[in-house]
Amino acid sequence: MKIRSPAGDAEWEVDFRLRWAWLRERWGQPPGSERDEHEAQARHLLAEQDGEIVGIGRINPLDEGCWQVRYMAVREDCRGRGIGEAILDGLLAEAAGHRVVLNAREGVAGFYQKRGFRVTGGGPLMFGEIRHLRMER
């Protein structure tokens, strides 16, 4: 497995397409909803295994002392193999020395807690049904 940034326009489009498919499509969100105003300043990473992208993640600065992890996803059939952890480690290295926040779906908060994040409060309710927790490290 390789963890790296997207290379070239085609891979950027794959990154965004997977982000939409894994994190937005099943909730009826339109293509384009997987992007936000922080894309240009963000560090994007993907996990490649046997020539296929199997995981994605992004971190971006919010202000001088704080960064935010967003859009983390691992293909369902590849979960539990350390892919998410490897992506998160790469993202956290980018923000070394800074406070890092994220909004985790309730079902995956334990993943982040094992990596040093703590729950600081409730997060957004996405698409009217996906509860999130605000976490910080």
Protein backbone atom coordinates (compact mmCIF):
# COMPACT_ATOMS: atom_id res chain seq x y z
CA MET A 1 0.00 0.00 0.00
CA LYS A 2 1.17 3.52 -0.84
CA ILE A 3 -0.04 6.74 0.80
CA ARG A 4 0.44 9.74 -1.46
CA SER A 5 -1.10 12.90 -2.85
CA PRO A 6 -3.17 12.74 -6.03
CA ALA A 7 -1.02 13.23 -9.13
CA GLY A 8 -2.42 14.86 -12.25
CA ASP A 9 -5.89 15.98 -13.21
CA ALA A 10 -7.22 12.46 -13.74
CA GLU A 11 -6.32 11.37 -10.20
CA TRP A 12 -7.79 14.54 -8.72
CA GLU A 13 -11.06 13.73 -10.47
CA VAL A 14 -10.94 10.15 -9.16
CA ASP A 15 -10.31 11.49 -5.64
CA PHE A 16 -13.35 13.78 -5.83
CA ARG A 17 -15.52 11.12 -7.50
CA LEU A 18 -14.73 8.58 -4.76
CA ARG A 19 -15.27 11.19 -2.06
CA TRP A 20 -18.74 11.86 -3.48
CA ALA A 21 -19.55 8.15 -3.99
CA TRP A 22 -18.40 7.07 -0.52
CA LEU A 23 -19.54 10.07 1.53
CA ARG A 24 -22.43 11.75 -0.31
CA GLU A 25 -24.17 9.69 -2.99
CA ARG A 26 -26.20 7.29 -0.78
CA TRP A 27 -27.73 10.29 0.99
CA GLY A 28 -28.92 11.83 -2.25
CA GLN A 29 -26.35 14.63 -2.31
CA PRO A 30 -25.45 16.00 -5.74
CA PRO A 31 -22.00 15.74 -7.31
CA GLY A 32 -20.05 18.82 -6.28
CA SER A 33 -21.25 18.61 -2.66
CA GLU A 34 -18.01 16.77 -1.84
CA ARG A 35 -15.96 19.93 -2.39
CA ASP A 36 -15.63 23.06 -0.30
CA GLU A 37 -13.82 26.39 -0.13
CA HIS A 38 -10.72 24.87 1.54
CA GLU A 39 -9.64 22.57 -1.32
CA ALA A 40 -6.81 24.80 -2.57
CA GLN A 41 -5.12 25.11 0.86
CA ALA A 42 -5.74 21.50 1.87
CA ARG A 43 -3.39 18.52 1.83
CA HIS A 44 -5.08 15.56 0.13
CA LEU A 45 -3.89 11.99 0.57
CA LEU A 46 -4.99 8.75 -0.97
CA ALA A 47 -4.17 5.12 -0.31
CA GLU A 48 -3.30 3.02 -3.33
CA GLN A 49 -3.27 -0.76 -3.19
CA ASP A 50 -2.67 -2.99 -6.22
CA GLY A 51 -3.18 0.00 -8.53
CA GLU A 52 -6.54 0.99 -7.05
CA ILE A 53 -7.42 3.89 -4.76
CA VAL A 54 -8.88 2.34 -1.61
CA GLY A 55 -8.83 5.27 0.82
CA ILE A 56 -8.90 9.07 0.86
CA GLY A 57 -8.54 11.90 3.35
CA ARG A 58 -7.86 15.61 3.62
CA ILE A 59 -6.58 18.13 6.16
CA ASN A 60 -6.73 21.90 5.91
CA PRO A 61 -5.77 24.86 8.06
CA LEU A 62 -8.69 26.62 9.71
CA ASP A 63 -6.64 29.35 11.34
CA GLU A 64 -3.08 29.91 12.50
CA GLY A 65 -3.19 27.32 15.29
CA CYS A 66 -5.82 24.80 14.16
CA TRP A 67 -6.25 22.31 11.31
CA GLN A 68 -9.26 20.15 10.38
CA VAL A 69 -9.40 16.58 9.08
CA ARG A 70 -12.24 16.07 6.60
CA TYR A 71 -13.47 13.62 4.00
CA MET A 72 -11.82 10.49 5.43
CA ALA A 73 -13.09 7.27 3.83
CA VAL A 74 -11.84 3.76 3.16
CA ARG A 75 -13.51 1.44 0.68
CA GLU A 76 -15.80 -0.89 2.65
CA ASP A 77 -14.10 -4.13 1.61
CA CYS A 78 -10.70 -2.74 2.65
CA ARG A 79 -11.53 -1.59 6.18
CA GLY A 80 -9.70 -3.01 9.19
CA ARG A 81 -6.36 -3.26 7.37
CA GLY A 82 -4.68 -0.10 8.69
CA ILE A 83 -5.45 2.00 5.62
CA GLY A 84 -7.38 4.69 7.49
CA GLU A 85 -4.70 4.83 10.16
CA ALA A 86 -1.98 5.29 7.53
CA ILE A 87 -3.91 8.11 5.85
CA LEU A 88 -4.60 9.80 9.19
CA ASP A 89 -0.94 9.53 10.21
CA GLY A 90 0.05 11.28 6.97
CA LEU A 91 -2.50 14.02 7.49
CA LEU A 92 -1.46 14.58 11.10
CA ALA A 93 2.18 14.84 10.06
CA GLU A 94 1.17 17.76 7.84
CA ALA A 95 -0.30 19.58 10.85
CA ALA A 96 2.45 18.68 13.32
CA GLY A 97 2.55 21.05 16.27
CA HIS A 98 -0.99 22.30 15.68
CA ARG A 99 -4.32 21.49 17.28
CA VAL A 100 -6.38 19.24 14.99
CA VAL A 101 -10.18 19.00 14.98
CA LEU A 102 -12.66 16.85 13.09
CA ASN A 103 -16.30 15.83 13.01
CA ALA A 104 -16.52 12.03 13.24
CA ARG A 105 -19.57 9.96 12.49
CA GLU A 106 -20.66 8.43 15.79
CA GLY A 107 -19.89 4.92 14.53
CA VAL A 108 -16.22 5.68 13.89
CA ALA A 109 -15.41 7.91 16.88
CA GLY A 110 -13.55 4.98 18.48
CA PHE A 111 -11.15 4.90 15.52
CA TYR A 112 -10.13 8.48 16.27
CA GLN A 113 -10.08 8.00 20.05
CA LYS A 114 -7.52 5.19 19.63
CA ARG A 115 -5.36 7.74 17.81
CA GLY A 116 -5.42 10.37 20.54
CA PHE A 117 -8.55 12.36 19.71
CA ARG A 118 -11.08 13.18 22.41
CA VAL A 119 -14.75 14.07 22.09
CA THR A 120 -15.32 17.77 22.79
CA GLY A 121 -19.04 17.93 22.00
CA GLY A 122 -21.74 17.19 19.52
CA GLY A 123 -21.10 17.77 15.86
CA PRO A 124 -23.40 18.39 12.93
CA LEU A 125 -26.31 16.20 11.90
CA MET A 126 -25.50 15.54 8.26
CA PHE A 127 -28.28 15.03 5.73
CA GLY A 128 -30.82 14.89 8.53
CA GLU A 129 -29.65 11.49 9.80
CA ILE A 130 -25.88 11.06 10.31
CA ARG A 131 -24.87 12.15 13.81
CA HIS A 132 -21.33 13.43 14.27
CA LEU A 133 -19.16 14.14 17.29
CA ARG A 134 -16.72 17.04 17.46
CA MET A 135 -13.25 15.70 18.29
CA GLU A 136 -9.87 17.28 18.97
CA ARG A 137 -6.24 16.32 19.39
